[in-house]
Amino acid sequence: MPEGDAARRKLNWDWLLWWRIDQAELDKQVTEYDNLSFLQSMRGISVVCLAVSLSITATLAGFGALGLDASAYIDSAIMAVLALFIYFGHRWANISAMVLWTAEKVLTLVDGLGPTHVGSGLFFGQFLWWAAYMHAFYFSFRIEQKRRTIARAAPAQP
């Protein structure tokens, strides 16, 4: 596949097909782990995703919008803790974020955002939102997993 086609494919589908990870980008993220800026690293992007979501959730709960109550603050606190641990490179935090994010999207569709009706637009929007975040969380998980594999394979330094 020519390089231009690969770049176009990446721009179009990698965030939607969240389980597809570009090996070259994975290698770059691992080798330049400590040198990438916050918004260039997938762990940084994962933290931003959680920060955006917790900000929206807390703001909507503060205004009492969409039928959100005080339990939304607990959800926001959980996202903040996960963001912190993702930033520090914990694989379990990435897995937890994927589980939490999936559960939230499923519950949103089942509950229909409180008093509102679940339409096809909401379903499609929630799916796109879910896929974009899942790509960030999964990519970050794969980076941490590869870093751990490399660290285990490396001989111990005296």
Protein backbone atom coordinates (compact mmCIF):
# COMPACT_ATOMS: atom_id res chain seq x y z
CA MET A 1 0.00 0.00 0.00
CA PRO A 2 1.51 3.38 -0.92
CA GLU A 3 2.39 5.68 1.96
CA GLY A 4 -0.32 8.22 1.04
CA ASP A 5 -3.03 5.55 1.13
CA ALA A 6 -1.86 4.35 4.54
CA ALA A 7 -1.98 7.90 5.90
CA ARG A 8 -5.45 8.47 4.46
CA ARG A 9 -6.68 5.17 5.93
CA LYS A 10 -5.30 6.18 9.32
CA LEU A 11 -7.00 9.55 9.24
CA ASN A 12 -10.32 8.07 8.20
CA TRP A 13 -10.81 4.92 10.22
CA ASP A 14 -8.34 4.31 13.06
CA TRP A 15 -10.35 6.22 15.64
CA LEU A 16 -13.55 4.42 14.63
CA LEU A 17 -12.04 0.96 14.40
CA TRP A 18 -10.54 1.49 17.84
CA TRP A 19 -8.91 -1.93 18.14
CA ARG A 20 -6.72 -1.28 15.06
CA ILE A 21 -3.38 0.10 16.18
CA ASP A 22 -0.76 1.31 13.72
CA GLN A 23 2.40 -0.64 14.61
CA ALA A 24 4.71 2.19 13.55
CA GLU A 25 2.81 4.68 15.74
CA LEU A 26 2.85 2.20 18.63
CA ASP A 27 6.62 1.81 18.30
CA LYS A 28 7.04 5.60 18.15
CA GLN A 29 4.90 6.09 21.26
CA VAL A 30 6.97 3.50 23.14
CA THR A 31 10.42 4.69 22.07
CA GLU A 32 9.61 8.39 22.56
CA TYR A 33 7.47 7.83 25.66
CA ASP A 34 9.28 10.36 27.86
CA ASN A 35 9.89 12.88 25.06
CA LEU A 36 6.41 13.28 23.53
CA SER A 37 4.40 16.29 24.61
CA PHE A 38 1.26 15.75 26.63
CA LEU A 39 -1.04 16.09 23.61
CA GLN A 40 1.20 13.95 21.38
CA SER A 41 1.19 10.97 23.74
CA MET A 42 -1.77 8.63 23.85
CA ARG A 43 -1.72 8.64 27.63
CA GLY A 44 -2.06 12.43 27.48
CA ILE A 45 -4.90 12.18 24.98
CA SER A 46 -6.61 9.62 27.21
CA VAL A 47 -6.30 11.99 30.15
CA VAL A 48 -7.77 14.82 28.06
CA CYS A 49 -10.67 12.58 27.01
CA LEU A 50 -11.48 11.80 30.63
CA ALA A 51 -11.03 15.45 31.66
CA VAL A 52 -13.46 16.61 28.96
CA SER A 53 -15.99 13.98 29.93
CA LEU A 54 -15.78 14.66 33.65
CA SER A 55 -16.04 18.41 33.02
CA ILE A 56 -19.17 17.99 30.90
CA THR A 57 -20.67 15.54 33.39
CA ALA A 58 -20.00 17.76 36.42
CA THR A 59 -21.25 20.88 34.62
CA LEU A 60 -24.48 19.21 33.50
CA ALA A 61 -25.02 17.78 36.98
CA GLY A 62 -24.43 21.22 38.48
CA PHE A 63 -27.21 22.65 36.34
CA GLY A 64 -29.41 19.61 36.88
CA ALA A 65 -29.55 19.05 33.14
CA LEU A 66 -30.55 15.77 31.50
CA GLY A 67 -31.81 14.41 34.79
CA LEU A 68 -28.29 14.04 36.22
CA ASP A 69 -28.14 14.05 39.99
CA ALA A 70 -25.39 14.07 42.61
CA SER A 71 -24.24 10.58 41.59
CA ALA A 72 -22.75 12.21 38.49
CA TYR A 73 -20.16 13.79 40.78
CA ILE A 74 -19.08 10.32 41.89
CA ASP A 75 -18.73 9.35 38.26
CA SER A 76 -16.63 12.47 37.66
CA ALA A 77 -14.41 11.66 40.64
CA ILE A 78 -13.85 8.13 39.34
CA MET A 79 -12.87 9.56 35.94
CA ALA A 80 -10.45 11.98 37.62
CA VAL A 81 -8.77 9.17 39.55
CA LEU A 82 -8.52 7.02 36.41
CA ALA A 83 -7.05 9.96 34.48
CA LEU A 84 -4.37 10.38 37.14
CA PHE A 85 -3.42 6.70 37.06
CA ILE A 86 -3.47 6.60 33.24
CA TYR A 87 -1.08 9.54 33.23
CA PHE A 88 1.29 7.61 35.50
CA GLY A 89 1.17 4.60 33.16
CA HIS A 90 -1.02 2.07 34.96
CA ARG A 91 -2.49 -0.51 32.59
CA TRP A 92 -5.34 -1.37 34.95
CA ALA A 93 -6.50 2.25 34.76
CA ASN A 94 -6.79 2.03 30.97
CA ILE A 95 -8.79 -1.19 31.27
CA SER A 96 -10.99 0.37 33.95
CA ALA A 97 -11.56 3.42 31.76
CA MET A 98 -12.62 1.18 28.85
CA VAL A 99 -15.04 -0.73 31.09
CA LEU A 100 -16.44 2.45 32.68
CA TRP A 101 -16.80 4.22 29.34
CA THR A 102 -18.56 1.24 27.77
CA ALA A 103 -20.90 0.87 30.75
CA GLU A 104 -21.75 4.57 30.64
CA LYS A 105 -22.59 4.51 26.94
CA VAL A 106 -24.71 1.37 27.33
CA LEU A 107 -26.56 2.86 30.29
CA THR A 108 -27.06 6.12 28.39
CA LEU A 109 -28.70 4.24 25.55
CA VAL A 110 -30.79 2.08 27.87
CA ASP A 111 -31.94 5.02 29.99
CA GLY A 112 -32.27 7.39 27.06
CA LEU A 113 -30.58 10.32 28.85
CA GLY A 114 -33.24 10.63 31.51
CA PRO A 115 -36.49 12.14 30.24
CA THR A 116 -35.33 12.40 26.62
CA HIS A 117 -36.11 9.83 23.96
CA VAL A 118 -33.37 7.65 22.47
CA GLY A 119 -33.39 8.24 18.73
CA SER A 120 -31.12 6.94 16.03
CA GLY A 121 -29.13 10.19 16.12
CA LEU A 122 -28.39 9.72 19.82
CA PHE A 123 -27.41 6.11 19.24
CA PHE A 124 -25.08 7.02 16.38
CA GLY A 125 -23.56 9.94 18.31
CA GLN A 126 -22.97 7.80 21.39
CA PHE A 127 -21.32 5.13 19.25
CA LEU A 128 -18.94 7.64 17.66
CA TRP A 129 -18.15 9.18 21.05
CA TRP A 130 -17.54 5.72 22.51
CA ALA A 131 -15.29 4.59 19.61
CA ALA A 132 -13.09 7.70 19.76
CA TYR A 133 -12.49 7.34 23.51
CA MET A 134 -12.00 3.59 23.26
CA HIS A 135 -9.29 4.13 20.65
CA ALA A 136 -7.41 6.46 22.99
CA PHE A 137 -7.78 4.16 26.02
CA TYR A 138 -6.89 1.00 24.09
CA PHE A 139 -3.91 2.59 22.35
CA SER A 140 -2.64 3.86 25.70
CA PHE A 141 -3.09 0.37 27.17
CA ARG A 142 -1.13 -1.23 24.31
CA ILE A 143 1.71 1.28 24.80
CA GLU A 144 1.95 0.48 28.52
CA GLN A 145 1.71 -3.23 27.77
CA LYS A 146 4.58 -3.05 25.27
CA ARG A 147 6.68 -0.96 27.66
CA ARG A 148 6.19 -3.59 30.35
CA THR A 149 7.14 -6.39 27.96
CA ILE A 150 10.33 -4.54 26.99
CA ALA A 151 11.18 -3.84 30.64
CA ARG A 152 10.76 -7.51 31.56
CA ALA A 153 12.93 -8.63 28.63
CA ALA A 154 15.73 -6.19 29.46
CA PRO A 155 18.50 -7.53 31.69
CA ALA A 156 18.57 -6.13 35.18
CA GLN A 157 21.07 -3.29 35.58
CA PRO A 158 23.36 -3.42 38.63
